[in-house]
Amino acid sequence: MITLPNALNAWNTDDFKAVFIKEVEALYGHDLPLQQGLRWSSYAVAEGFRVMVSVSTETAEYLEIKTGVFYKGIIAGCSCSDDPSPTDEQTEYCEMRFSINKQTAQTSVEVI
């Protein structure tokens, strides 16, 4: 389970976006649904993703943050020893919604 306590604590401050982005980009990429957002490749690369905040709203229980996520994917070959095709990285983009529980900072993430 992902928790984003620093983002929760920064809510309603001028630093919220920067704190949220820093905390999310420090996560291990495989904790995010990057694989589900692929369009041009077959396997998501977990490192080096970047997050952009689009819209932040608040409900009674959650902070809802709509984001754009830029990352890389690869087109995997057959991995045969004589396969001449190199590993080819593709730039990928998807939108995700982060729902941060206002009591626990536990966060769910979904591709939208």
PDB file of N, CA and C in Angstrom:
ATOM      1  N   MET A   1       0.837  -1.179   0.000  1.00  0.00           N
ATOM      2  CA  MET A   1       0.000   0.000   0.000  1.00  0.00           C
ATOM      3  C   MET A   1       0.883   1.243   0.000  1.00  0.00           C
ATOM      4  N   ILE A   2       0.522   2.195  -0.805  1.00  0.00           N
ATOM      5  CA  ILE A   2       1.239   3.458  -0.883  1.00  0.00           C
ATOM      6  C   ILE A   2       0.687   4.403   0.189  1.00  0.00           C
ATOM      7  N   THR A   3       1.566   5.117   0.850  1.00  0.00           N
ATOM      8  CA  THR A   3       1.146   6.191   1.746  1.00  0.00           C
ATOM      9  C   THR A   3       1.898   7.458   1.357  1.00  0.00           C
ATOM     10  N   LEU A   4       1.194   8.569   1.397  1.00  0.00           N
ATOM     11  CA  LEU A   4       1.782   9.863   1.039  1.00  0.00           C
ATOM     12  C   LEU A   4       1.564  10.862   2.177  1.00  0.00           C
ATOM     13  N   PRO A   5       2.216  10.652   3.324  1.00  0.00           N
ATOM     14  CA  PRO A   5       1.991  11.529   4.473  1.00  0.00           C
ATOM     15  C   PRO A   5       2.472  12.959   4.265  1.00  0.00           C
ATOM     16  N   ASN A   6       3.560  13.137   3.533  1.00  0.00           N
ATOM     17  CA  ASN A   6       4.070  14.489   3.313  1.00  0.00           C
ATOM     18  C   ASN A   6       3.113  15.305   2.453  1.00  0.00           C
ATOM     19  N   ALA A   7       2.540  14.672   1.442  1.00  0.00           N
ATOM     20  CA  ALA A   7       1.561  15.363   0.598  1.00  0.00           C
ATOM     21  C   ALA A   7       0.322  15.717   1.416  1.00  0.00           C
ATOM     22  N   LEU A   8      -0.134  14.795   2.228  1.00  0.00           N
ATOM     23  CA  LEU A   8      -1.299  15.064   3.077  1.00  0.00           C
ATOM     24  C   LEU A   8      -1.029  16.249   4.001  1.00  0.00           C
ATOM     25  N   ASN A   9       0.140  16.281   4.619  1.00  0.00           N
ATOM     26  CA  ASN A   9       0.486  17.385   5.523  1.00  0.00           C
ATOM     27  C   ASN A   9       0.643  18.717   4.802  1.00  0.00           C
ATOM     28  N   ALA A  10       0.977  18.674   3.520  1.00  0.00           N
ATOM     29  CA  ALA A  10       1.177  19.904   2.746  1.00  0.00           C
ATOM     30  C   ALA A  10      -0.111  20.410   2.090  1.00  0.00           C
ATOM     31  N   TRP A  11      -1.212  19.662   2.236  1.00  0.00           N
ATOM     32  CA  TRP A  11      -2.478  20.074   1.623  1.00  0.00           C
ATOM     33  C   TRP A  11      -2.845  21.489   2.094  1.00  0.00           C
ATOM     34  N   ASN A  12      -3.376  22.281   1.196  1.00  0.00           N
ATOM     35  CA  ASN A  12      -3.778  23.671   1.455  1.00  0.00           C
ATOM     36  C   ASN A  12      -2.599  24.584   1.767  1.00  0.00           C
ATOM     37  N   THR A  13      -1.422  24.212   1.278  1.00  0.00           N
ATOM     38  CA  THR A  13      -0.270  25.113   1.365  1.00  0.00           C
ATOM     39  C   THR A  13       0.216  25.389  -0.053  1.00  0.00           C
ATOM     40  N   ASP A  14       1.017  26.414  -0.191  1.00  0.00           N
ATOM     41  CA  ASP A  14       1.586  26.748  -1.506  1.00  0.00           C
ATOM     42  C   ASP A  14       2.552  25.676  -2.005  1.00  0.00           C
ATOM     43  N   ASP A  15       3.051  24.848  -1.094  1.00  0.00           N
ATOM     44  CA  ASP A  15       4.035  23.830  -1.449  1.00  0.00           C
ATOM     45  C   ASP A  15       3.416  22.490  -1.828  1.00  0.00           C
ATOM     46  N   PHE A  16       2.093  22.379  -1.819  1.00  0.00           N
ATOM     47  CA  PHE A  16       1.464  21.074  -2.011  1.00  0.00           C
ATOM     48  C   PHE A  16       1.929  20.374  -3.287  1.00  0.00           C
ATOM     49  N   LYS A  17       1.848  21.056  -4.429  1.00  0.00           N
ATOM     50  CA  LYS A  17       2.215  20.394  -5.693  1.00  0.00           C
ATOM     51  C   LYS A  17       3.649  19.888  -5.670  1.00  0.00           C
ATOM     52  N   ALA A  18       4.560  20.722  -5.205  1.00  0.00           N
ATOM     53  CA  ALA A  18       5.974  20.326  -5.177  1.00  0.00           C
ATOM     54  C   ALA A  18       6.201  19.148  -4.225  1.00  0.00           C
ATOM     55  N   VAL A  19       5.559  19.177  -3.070  1.00  0.00           N
ATOM     56  CA  VAL A  19       5.715  18.084  -2.096  1.00  0.00           C
ATOM     57  C   VAL A  19       5.109  16.798  -2.643  1.00  0.00           C
ATOM     58  N   PHE A  20       3.925  16.906  -3.236  1.00  0.00           N
ATOM     59  CA  PHE A  20       3.263  15.736  -3.815  1.00  0.00           C
ATOM     60  C   PHE A  20       4.134  15.116  -4.912  1.00  0.00           C
ATOM     61  N   ILE A  21       4.611  15.934  -5.823  1.00  0.00           N
ATOM     62  CA  ILE A  21       5.438  15.430  -6.930  1.00  0.00           C
ATOM     63  C   ILE A  21       6.700  14.764  -6.396  1.00  0.00           C
ATOM     64  N   LYS A  22       7.369  15.402  -5.459  1.00  0.00           N
ATOM     65  CA  LYS A  22       8.608  14.833  -4.901  1.00  0.00           C
ATOM     66  C   LYS A  22       8.337  13.488  -4.236  1.00  0.00           C
ATOM     67  N   GLU A  23       7.241  13.403  -3.480  1.00  0.00           N
ATOM     68  CA  GLU A  23       6.932  12.164  -2.772  1.00  0.00           C
ATOM     69  C   GLU A  23       6.543  11.043  -3.733  1.00  0.00           C
ATOM     70  N   VAL A  24       5.772  11.364  -4.760  1.00  0.00           N
ATOM     71  CA  VAL A  24       5.374  10.343  -5.739  1.00  0.00           C
ATOM     72  C   VAL A  24       6.573   9.894  -6.567  1.00  0.00           C
ATOM     73  N   GLU A  25       7.392  10.830  -7.016  1.00  0.00           N
ATOM     74  CA  GLU A  25       8.544  10.461  -7.838  1.00  0.00           C
ATOM     75  C   GLU A  25       9.597   9.680  -7.061  1.00  0.00           C
ATOM     76  N   ALA A  26       9.524   9.695  -5.731  1.00  0.00           N
ATOM     77  CA  ALA A  26      10.436   8.896  -4.904  1.00  0.00           C
ATOM     78  C   ALA A  26       9.949   7.455  -4.740  1.00  0.00           C
ATOM     79  N   LEU A  27       8.714   7.174  -5.170  1.00  0.00           N
ATOM     80  CA  LEU A  27       8.175   5.813  -5.078  1.00  0.00           C
ATOM     81  C   LEU A  27       8.864   4.896  -6.074  1.00  0.00           C
ATOM     82  N   TYR A  28       8.820   3.617  -5.801  1.00  0.00           N
ATOM     83  CA  TYR A  28       9.278   2.612  -6.750  1.00  0.00           C
ATOM     84  C   TYR A  28       8.222   2.535  -7.854  1.00  0.00           C
ATOM     85  N   GLY A  29       8.622   2.650  -9.085  1.00  0.00           N
ATOM     86  CA  GLY A  29       7.691   2.713 -10.208  1.00  0.00           C
ATOM     87  C   GLY A  29       6.734   1.548 -10.320  1.00  0.00           C
ATOM     88  N   HIS A  30       7.150   0.359  -9.878  1.00  0.00           N
ATOM     89  CA  HIS A  30       6.260  -0.796  -9.979  1.00  0.00           C
ATOM     90  C   HIS A  30       5.126  -0.742  -8.951  1.00  0.00           C
ATOM     91  N   ASP A  31       5.182   0.227  -8.026  1.00  0.00           N
ATOM     92  CA  ASP A  31       4.064   0.428  -7.098  1.00  0.00           C
ATOM     93  C   ASP A  31       2.930   1.207  -7.760  1.00  0.00           C
ATOM     94  N   LEU A  32       3.205   1.785  -8.909  1.00  0.00           N
ATOM     95  CA  LEU A  32       2.199   2.525  -9.666  1.00  0.00           C
ATOM     96  C   LEU A  32       1.694   1.668 -10.828  1.00  0.00           C
ATOM     97  N   PRO A  33       0.486   1.933 -11.316  1.00  0.00           N
ATOM     98  CA  PRO A  33      -0.052   1.125 -12.417  1.00  0.00           C
ATOM     99  C   PRO A  33       0.479   1.562 -13.793  1.00  0.00           C
ATOM    100  N   LEU A  34       1.795   1.710 -13.895  1.00  0.00           N
ATOM    101  CA  LEU A  34       2.404   2.132 -15.161  1.00  0.00           C
ATOM    102  C   LEU A  34       2.117   1.139 -16.283  1.00  0.00           C
ATOM    103  N   GLN A  35       2.151  -0.135 -15.956  1.00  0.00           N
ATOM    104  CA  GLN A  35       1.918  -1.171 -16.975  1.00  0.00           C
ATOM    105  C   GLN A  35       0.539  -1.007 -17.615  1.00  0.00           C
ATOM    106  N   GLN A  36      -0.462  -0.636 -16.811  1.00  0.00           N
ATOM    107  CA  GLN A  36      -1.823  -0.476 -17.328  1.00  0.00           C
ATOM    108  C   GLN A  36      -1.953   0.710 -18.281  1.00  0.00           C
ATOM    109  N   GLY A  37      -1.069   1.681 -18.158  1.00  0.00           N
ATOM    110  CA  GLY A  37      -1.159   2.873 -18.990  1.00  0.00           C
ATOM    111  C   GLY A  37      -0.404   2.796 -20.295  1.00  0.00           C
ATOM    112  N   LEU A  38       0.256   1.676 -20.559  1.00  0.00           N
ATOM    113  CA  LEU A  38       1.051   1.552 -21.790  1.00  0.00           C
ATOM    114  C   LEU A  38       0.189   1.657 -23.044  1.00  0.00           C
ATOM    115  N   ARG A  39       0.721   2.343 -24.052  1.00  0.00           N
ATOM    116  CA  ARG A  39       0.057   2.429 -25.348  1.00  0.00           C
ATOM    117  C   ARG A  39       0.982   2.029 -26.488  1.00  0.00           C
ATOM    118  N   TRP A  40       2.271   2.312 -26.347  1.00  0.00           N
ATOM    119  CA  TRP A  40       3.199   2.137 -27.466  1.00  0.00           C
ATOM    120  C   TRP A  40       4.229   1.046 -27.242  1.00  0.00           C
ATOM    121  N   SER A  41       4.271   0.475 -26.068  1.00  0.00           N
ATOM    122  CA  SER A  41       5.287  -0.526 -25.772  1.00  0.00           C
ATOM    123  C   SER A  41       4.660  -1.674 -24.987  1.00  0.00           C
ATOM    124  N   SER A  42       5.486  -2.632 -24.589  1.00  0.00           N
ATOM    125  CA  SER A  42       4.924  -3.825 -23.947  1.00  0.00           C
ATOM    126  C   SER A  42       5.316  -3.997 -22.481  1.00  0.00           C
ATOM    127  N   TYR A  43       6.304  -3.233 -21.980  1.00  0.00           N
ATOM    128  CA  TYR A  43       6.730  -3.376 -20.598  1.00  0.00           C
ATOM    129  C   TYR A  43       7.141  -2.016 -20.045  1.00  0.00           C
ATOM    130  N   ALA A  44       6.575  -1.625 -18.912  1.00  0.00           N
ATOM    131  CA  ALA A  44       6.878  -0.326 -18.307  1.00  0.00           C
ATOM    132  C   ALA A  44       8.221  -0.360 -17.584  1.00  0.00           C
ATOM    133  N   VAL A  45       9.002   0.692 -17.765  1.00  0.00           N
ATOM    134  CA  VAL A  45      10.261   0.865 -17.052  1.00  0.00           C
ATOM    135  C   VAL A  45       9.944   1.590 -15.743  1.00  0.00           C
ATOM    136  N   ALA A  46      10.377   1.039 -14.635  1.00  0.00           N
ATOM    137  CA  ALA A  46       9.989   1.552 -13.317  1.00  0.00           C
ATOM    138  C   ALA A  46      10.753   2.808 -12.899  1.00  0.00           C
ATOM    139  N   GLU A  47      11.895   3.062 -13.488  1.00  0.00           N
ATOM    140  CA  GLU A  47      12.719   4.187 -13.081  1.00  0.00           C
ATOM    141  C   GLU A  47      12.504   5.391 -13.993  1.00  0.00           C
ATOM    142  N   GLY A  48      12.718   6.564 -13.418  1.00  0.00           N
ATOM    143  CA  GLY A  48      12.769   7.784 -14.226  1.00  0.00           C
ATOM    144  C   GLY A  48      11.431   8.345 -14.649  1.00  0.00           C
ATOM    145  N   PHE A  49      10.343   7.997 -13.977  1.00  0.00           N
ATOM    146  CA  PHE A  49       9.057   8.573 -14.364  1.00  0.00           C
ATOM    147  C   PHE A  49       8.922   9.975 -13.783  1.00  0.00           C
ATOM    148  N   ARG A  50       8.103  10.801 -14.408  1.00  0.00           N
ATOM    149  CA  ARG A  50       7.870  12.176 -13.975  1.00  0.00           C
ATOM    150  C   ARG A  50       6.379  12.405 -13.836  1.00  0.00           C
ATOM    151  N   VAL A  51       6.004  13.220 -12.847  1.00  0.00           N
ATOM    152  CA  VAL A  51       4.601  13.457 -12.532  1.00  0.00           C
ATOM    153  C   VAL A  51       4.281  14.936 -12.694  1.00  0.00           C
ATOM    154  N   MET A  52       3.099  15.206 -13.221  1.00  0.00           N
ATOM    155  CA  MET A  52       2.593  16.561 -13.370  1.00  0.00           C
ATOM    156  C   MET A  52       1.195  16.592 -12.752  1.00  0.00           C
ATOM    157  N   VAL A  53       0.926  17.543 -11.878  1.00  0.00           N
ATOM    158  CA  VAL A  53      -0.386  17.660 -11.246  1.00  0.00           C
ATOM    159  C   VAL A  53      -1.288  18.496 -12.137  1.00  0.00           C
ATOM    160  N   SER A  54      -2.487  17.948 -12.442  1.00  0.00           N
ATOM    161  CA  SER A  54      -3.461  18.676 -13.257  1.00  0.00           C
ATOM    162  C   SER A  54      -4.513  19.352 -12.390  1.00  0.00           C
ATOM    163  N   VAL A  55      -5.179  18.562 -11.546  1.00  0.00           N
ATOM    164  CA  VAL A  55      -6.276  19.063 -10.722  1.00  0.00           C
ATOM    165  C   VAL A  55      -6.202  18.411  -9.349  1.00  0.00           C
ATOM    166  N   SER A  56      -6.411  19.209  -8.315  1.00  0.00           N
ATOM    167  CA  SER A  56      -6.456  18.697  -6.942  1.00  0.00           C
ATOM    168  C   SER A  56      -7.778  19.127  -6.313  1.00  0.00           C
ATOM    169  N   THR A  57      -8.504  18.161  -5.769  1.00  0.00           N
ATOM    170  CA  THR A  57      -9.764  18.465  -5.098  1.00  0.00           C
ATOM    171  C   THR A  57      -9.829  17.711  -3.777  1.00  0.00           C
ATOM    172  N   GLU A  58     -10.805  18.080  -2.972  1.00  0.00           N
ATOM    173  CA  GLU A  58     -10.967  17.466  -1.653  1.00  0.00           C
ATOM    174  C   GLU A  58     -12.410  17.019  -1.483  1.00  0.00           C
ATOM    175  N   THR A  59     -12.583  15.811  -0.968  1.00  0.00           N
ATOM    176  CA  THR A  59     -13.900  15.324  -0.576  1.00  0.00           C
ATOM    177  C   THR A  59     -13.882  15.172   0.945  1.00  0.00           C
ATOM    178  N   ALA A  60     -14.962  14.662   1.515  1.00  0.00           N
ATOM    179  CA  ALA A  60     -15.016  14.482   2.970  1.00  0.00           C
ATOM    180  C   ALA A  60     -13.934  13.529   3.465  1.00  0.00           C
ATOM    181  N   GLU A  61     -13.599  12.505   2.666  1.00  0.00           N
ATOM    182  CA  GLU A  61     -12.647  11.488   3.112  1.00  0.00           C
ATOM    183  C   GLU A  61     -11.291  11.513   2.411  1.00  0.00           C
ATOM    184  N   TYR A  62     -11.239  12.077   1.202  1.00  0.00           N
ATOM    185  CA  TYR A  62     -10.038  11.938   0.380  1.00  0.00           C
ATOM    186  C   TYR A  62      -9.575  13.249  -0.239  1.00  0.00           C
ATOM    187  N   LEU A  63      -8.280  13.296  -0.516  1.00  0.00           N
ATOM    188  CA  LEU A  63      -7.720  14.267  -1.437  1.00  0.00           C
ATOM    189  C   LEU A  63      -7.642  13.553  -2.770  1.00  0.00           C
ATOM    190  N   GLU A  64      -8.180  14.144  -3.812  1.00  0.00           N
ATOM    191  CA  GLU A  64      -8.176  13.547  -5.149  1.00  0.00           C
ATOM    192  C   GLU A  64      -7.248  14.372  -6.028  1.00  0.00           C
ATOM    193  N   ILE A  65      -6.192  13.750  -6.527  1.00  0.00           N
ATOM    194  CA  ILE A  65      -5.219  14.449  -7.346  1.00  0.00           C
ATOM    195  C   ILE A  65      -5.140  13.774  -8.699  1.00  0.00           C
ATOM    196  N   LYS A  66      -5.528  14.519  -9.735  1.00  0.00           N
ATOM    197  CA  LYS A  66      -5.425  14.018 -11.108  1.00  0.00           C
ATOM    198  C   LYS A  66      -4.058  14.435 -11.639  1.00  0.00           C
ATOM    199  N   THR A  67      -3.343  13.460 -12.188  1.00  0.00           N
ATOM    200  CA  THR A  67      -1.978  13.707 -12.646  1.00  0.00           C
ATOM    201  C   THR A  67      -1.770  13.207 -14.076  1.00  0.00           C
ATOM    202  N   GLY A  68      -0.729  13.726 -14.686  1.00  0.00           N
ATOM    203  CA  GLY A  68      -0.182  13.166 -15.905  1.00  0.00           C
ATOM    204  C   GLY A  68       1.152  12.546 -15.541  1.00  0.00           C
ATOM    205  N   VAL A  69       1.416  11.356 -16.034  1.00  0.00           N
ATOM    206  CA  VAL A  69       2.659  10.660 -15.712  1.00  0.00           C
ATOM    207  C   VAL A  69       3.399  10.349 -17.011  1.00  0.00           C
ATOM    208  N   PHE A  70       4.632  10.807 -17.080  1.00  0.00           N
ATOM    209  CA  PHE A  70       5.507  10.538 -18.216  1.00  0.00           C
ATOM    210  C   PHE A  70       6.505   9.474 -17.796  1.00  0.00           C
ATOM    211  N   TYR A  71       6.675   8.464 -18.616  1.00  0.00           N
ATOM    212  CA  TYR A  71       7.595   7.383 -18.279  1.00  0.00           C
ATOM    213  C   TYR A  71       8.029   6.675 -19.554  1.00  0.00           C
ATOM    214  N   LYS A  72       8.857   5.673 -19.406  1.00  0.00           N
ATOM    215  CA  LYS A  72       9.363   4.910 -20.551  1.00  0.00           C
ATOM    216  C   LYS A  72       8.792   3.502 -20.529  1.00  0.00           C
ATOM    217  N   GLY A  73       8.643   2.960 -21.700  1.00  0.00           N
ATOM    218  CA  GLY A  73       8.286   1.567 -21.860  1.00  0.00           C
ATOM    219  C   GLY A  73       9.242   0.960 -22.869  1.00  0.00           C
ATOM    220  N   ILE A  74       9.371  -0.344 -22.842  1.00  0.00           N
ATOM    221  CA  ILE A  74      10.226  -1.002 -23.826  1.00  0.00           C
ATOM    222  C   ILE A  74       9.399  -1.973 -24.643  1.00  0.00           C
ATOM    223  N   ILE A  75       9.858  -2.180 -25.838  1.00  0.00           N
ATOM    224  CA  ILE A  75       9.295  -3.214 -26.703  1.00  0.00           C
ATOM    225  C   ILE A  75      10.243  -4.389 -26.571  1.00  0.00           C
ATOM    226  N   ALA A  76       9.803  -5.394 -25.845  1.00  0.00           N
ATOM    227  CA  ALA A  76      10.674  -6.528 -25.556  1.00  0.00           C
ATOM    228  C   ALA A  76      10.745  -7.466 -26.751  1.00  0.00           C
ATOM    229  N   GLY A  77      11.960  -7.883 -27.081  1.00  0.00           N
ATOM    230  CA  GLY A  77      12.159  -8.870 -28.137  1.00  0.00           C
ATOM    231  C   GLY A  77      11.992 -10.267 -27.578  1.00  0.00           C
ATOM    232  N   CYS A  78      12.426 -11.255 -28.335  1.00  0.00           N
ATOM    233  CA  CYS A  78      12.252 -12.643 -27.887  1.00  0.00           C
ATOM    234  C   CYS A  78      13.336 -13.067 -26.897  1.00  0.00           C
ATOM    235  N   SER A  79      14.338 -12.221 -26.693  1.00  0.00           N
ATOM    236  CA  SER A  79      15.456 -12.496 -25.783  1.00  0.00           C
ATOM    237  C   SER A  79      16.271 -13.709 -26.207  1.00  0.00           C
ATOM    238  N   CYS A  80      16.219 -14.052 -27.462  1.00  0.00           N
ATOM    239  CA  CYS A  80      17.052 -15.135 -27.975  1.00  0.00           C
ATOM    240  C   CYS A  80      18.477 -14.612 -28.142  1.00  0.00           C
ATOM    241  N   SER A  81      19.437 -15.473 -28.029  1.00  0.00           N
ATOM    242  CA  SER A  81      20.826 -15.035 -28.132  1.00  0.00           C
ATOM    243  C   SER A  81      21.155 -14.470 -29.510  1.00  0.00           C
ATOM    244  N   ASP A  82      20.400 -14.874 -30.533  1.00  0.00           N
ATOM    245  CA  ASP A  82      20.685 -14.367 -31.873  1.00  0.00           C
ATOM    246  C   ASP A  82      19.677 -13.306 -32.323  1.00  0.00           C
ATOM    247  N   ASP A  83      18.876 -12.769 -31.385  1.00  0.00           N
ATOM    248  CA  ASP A  83      17.909 -11.724 -31.716  1.00  0.00           C
ATOM    249  C   ASP A  83      18.670 -10.416 -31.926  1.00  0.00           C
ATOM    250  N   PRO A  84      18.673  -9.888 -33.157  1.00  0.00           N
ATOM    251  CA  PRO A  84      19.450  -8.680 -33.439  1.00  0.00           C
ATOM    252  C   PRO A  84      18.772  -7.387 -33.007  1.00  0.00           C
ATOM    253  N   SER A  85      17.501  -7.436 -32.621  1.00  0.00           N
ATOM    254  CA  SER A  85      16.809  -6.188 -32.302  1.00  0.00           C
ATOM    255  C   SER A  85      17.215  -5.679 -30.925  1.00  0.00           C
ATOM    256  N   PRO A  86      17.624  -4.403 -30.854  1.00  0.00           N
ATOM    257  CA  PRO A  86      18.016  -3.833 -29.557  1.00  0.00           C
ATOM    258  C   PRO A  86      16.775  -3.522 -28.715  1.00  0.00           C
ATOM    259  N   THR A  87      16.981  -3.350 -27.421  1.00  0.00           N
ATOM    260  CA  THR A  87      15.894  -2.922 -26.553  1.00  0.00           C
ATOM    261  C   THR A  87      15.541  -1.494 -26.934  1.00  0.00           C
ATOM    262  N   ASP A  88      14.301  -1.266 -27.300  1.00  0.00           N
ATOM    263  CA  ASP A  88      13.858   0.027 -27.802  1.00  0.00           C
ATOM    264  C   ASP A  88      12.937   0.682 -26.787  1.00  0.00           C
ATOM    265  N   GLU A  89      13.345   1.836 -26.246  1.00  0.00           N
ATOM    266  CA  GLU A  89      12.509   2.552 -25.295  1.00  0.00           C
ATOM    267  C   GLU A  89      11.573   3.502 -26.018  1.00  0.00           C
ATOM    268  N   GLN A  90      10.344   3.561 -25.535  1.00  0.00           N
ATOM    269  CA  GLN A  90       9.323   4.455 -26.066  1.00  0.00           C
ATOM    270  C   GLN A  90       8.860   5.368 -24.934  1.00  0.00           C
ATOM    271  N   THR A  91       8.612   6.619 -25.248  1.00  0.00           N
ATOM    272  CA  THR A  91       8.042   7.517 -24.259  1.00  0.00           C
ATOM    273  C   THR A  91       6.565   7.197 -24.110  1.00  0.00           C
ATOM    274  N   GLU A  92       6.117   7.064 -22.886  1.00  0.00           N
ATOM    275  CA  GLU A  92       4.718   6.768 -22.587  1.00  0.00           C
ATOM    276  C   GLU A  92       4.138   7.892 -21.734  1.00  0.00           C
ATOM    277  N   TYR A  93       2.825   8.034 -21.803  1.00  0.00           N
ATOM    278  CA  TYR A  93       2.105   9.023 -20.992  1.00  0.00           C
ATOM    279  C   TYR A  93       0.755   8.436 -20.624  1.00  0.00           C
ATOM    280  N   CYS A  94       0.346   8.626 -19.388  1.00  0.00           N
ATOM    281  CA  CYS A  94      -1.012   8.272 -18.992  1.00  0.00           C
ATOM    282  C   CYS A  94      -1.452   9.210 -17.877  1.00  0.00           C
ATOM    283  N   GLU A  95      -2.744   9.235 -17.655  1.00  0.00           N
ATOM    284  CA  GLU A  95      -3.284  10.029 -16.562  1.00  0.00           C
ATOM    285  C   GLU A  95      -3.686   9.095 -15.433  1.00  0.00           C
ATOM    286  N   MET A  96      -3.396   9.522 -14.213  1.00  0.00           N
ATOM    287  CA  MET A  96      -3.712   8.727 -13.026  1.00  0.00           C
ATOM    288  C   MET A  96      -4.401   9.604 -11.998  1.00  0.00           C
ATOM    289  N   ARG A  97      -5.248   8.963 -11.203  1.00  0.00           N
ATOM    290  CA  ARG A  97      -5.886   9.629 -10.077  1.00  0.00           C
ATOM    291  C   ARG A  97      -5.333   9.027  -8.786  1.00  0.00           C
ATOM    292  N   PHE A  98      -4.801   9.884  -7.943  1.00  0.00           N
ATOM    293  CA  PHE A  98      -4.330   9.495  -6.622  1.00  0.00           C
ATOM    294  C   PHE A  98      -5.401   9.904  -5.619  1.00  0.00           C
ATOM    295  N   SER A  99      -5.862   8.955  -4.807  1.00  0.00           N
ATOM    296  CA  SER A  99      -6.850   9.229  -3.764  1.00  0.00           C
ATOM    297  C   SER A  99      -6.172   9.006  -2.416  1.00  0.00           C
ATOM    298  N   ILE A 100      -5.906  10.109  -1.714  1.00  0.00           N
ATOM    299  CA  ILE A 100      -5.200  10.056  -0.431  1.00  0.00           C
ATOM    300  C   ILE A 100      -6.225  10.126   0.695  1.00  0.00           C
ATOM    301  N   ASN A 101      -6.257   9.096   1.528  1.00  0.00           N
ATOM    302  CA  ASN A 101      -7.148   9.080   2.681  1.00  0.00           C
ATOM    303  C   ASN A 101      -6.695  10.161   3.654  1.00  0.00           C
ATOM    304  N   LYS A 102      -7.608  11.051   4.038  1.00  0.00           N
ATOM    305  CA  LYS A 102      -7.255  12.192   4.882  1.00  0.00           C
ATOM    306  C   LYS A 102      -6.933  11.802   6.324  1.00  0.00           C
ATOM    307  N   GLN A 103      -7.301  10.608   6.743  1.00  0.00           N
ATOM    308  CA  GLN A 103      -7.010  10.160   8.107  1.00  0.00           C
ATOM    309  C   GLN A 103      -5.689   9.378   8.187  1.00  0.00           C
ATOM    310  N   THR A 104      -5.433   8.536   7.184  1.00  0.00           N
ATOM    311  CA  THR A 104      -4.299   7.595   7.259  1.00  0.00           C
ATOM    312  C   THR A 104      -3.178   7.863   6.264  1.00  0.00           C
ATOM    313  N   ALA A 105      -3.422   8.695   5.259  1.00  0.00           N
ATOM    314  CA  ALA A 105      -2.487   8.969   4.159  1.00  0.00           C
ATOM    315  C   ALA A 105      -2.321   7.777   3.222  1.00  0.00           C
ATOM    316  N   GLN A 106      -3.072   6.682   3.462  1.00  0.00           N
ATOM    317  CA  GLN A 106      -3.030   5.576   2.511  1.00  0.00           C
ATOM    318  C   GLN A 106      -3.613   6.047   1.190  1.00  0.00           C
ATOM    319  N   THR A 107      -2.956   5.623   0.111  1.00  0.00           N
ATOM    320  CA  THR A 107      -3.260   6.181  -1.197  1.00  0.00           C
ATOM    321  C   THR A 107      -3.540   5.087  -2.202  1.00  0.00           C
ATOM    322  N   SER A 108      -4.641   5.238  -2.907  1.00  0.00           N
ATOM    323  CA  SER A 108      -4.921   4.336  -4.020  1.00  0.00           C
ATOM    324  C   SER A 108      -4.641   5.112  -5.302  1.00  0.00           C
ATOM    325  N   VAL A 109      -4.239   4.368  -6.336  1.00  0.00           N
ATOM    326  CA  VAL A 109      -3.879   4.988  -7.605  1.00  0.00           C
ATOM    327  C   VAL A 109      -4.576   4.206  -8.715  1.00  0.00           C
ATOM    328  N   GLU A 110      -5.185   4.948  -9.640  1.00  0.00           N
ATOM    329  CA  GLU A 110      -5.821   4.287 -10.779  1.00  0.00           C
ATOM    330  C   GLU A 110      -5.544   5.059 -12.058  1.00  0.00           C
ATOM    331  N   VAL A 111      -5.417   4.324 -13.146  1.00  0.00           N
ATOM    332  CA  VAL A 111      -5.278   4.939 -14.464  1.00  0.00           C
ATOM    333  C   VAL A 111      -6.654   5.412 -14.885  1.00  0.00           C
ATOM    334  N   ILE A 112      -6.727   6.642 -15.394  1.00  0.00           N
ATOM    335  CA  ILE A 112      -8.025   7.178 -15.844  1.00  0.00           C
ATOM    336  C   ILE A 112      -7.966   7.543 -17.307  1.00  0.00           C
TER     337      ILE A 112
END
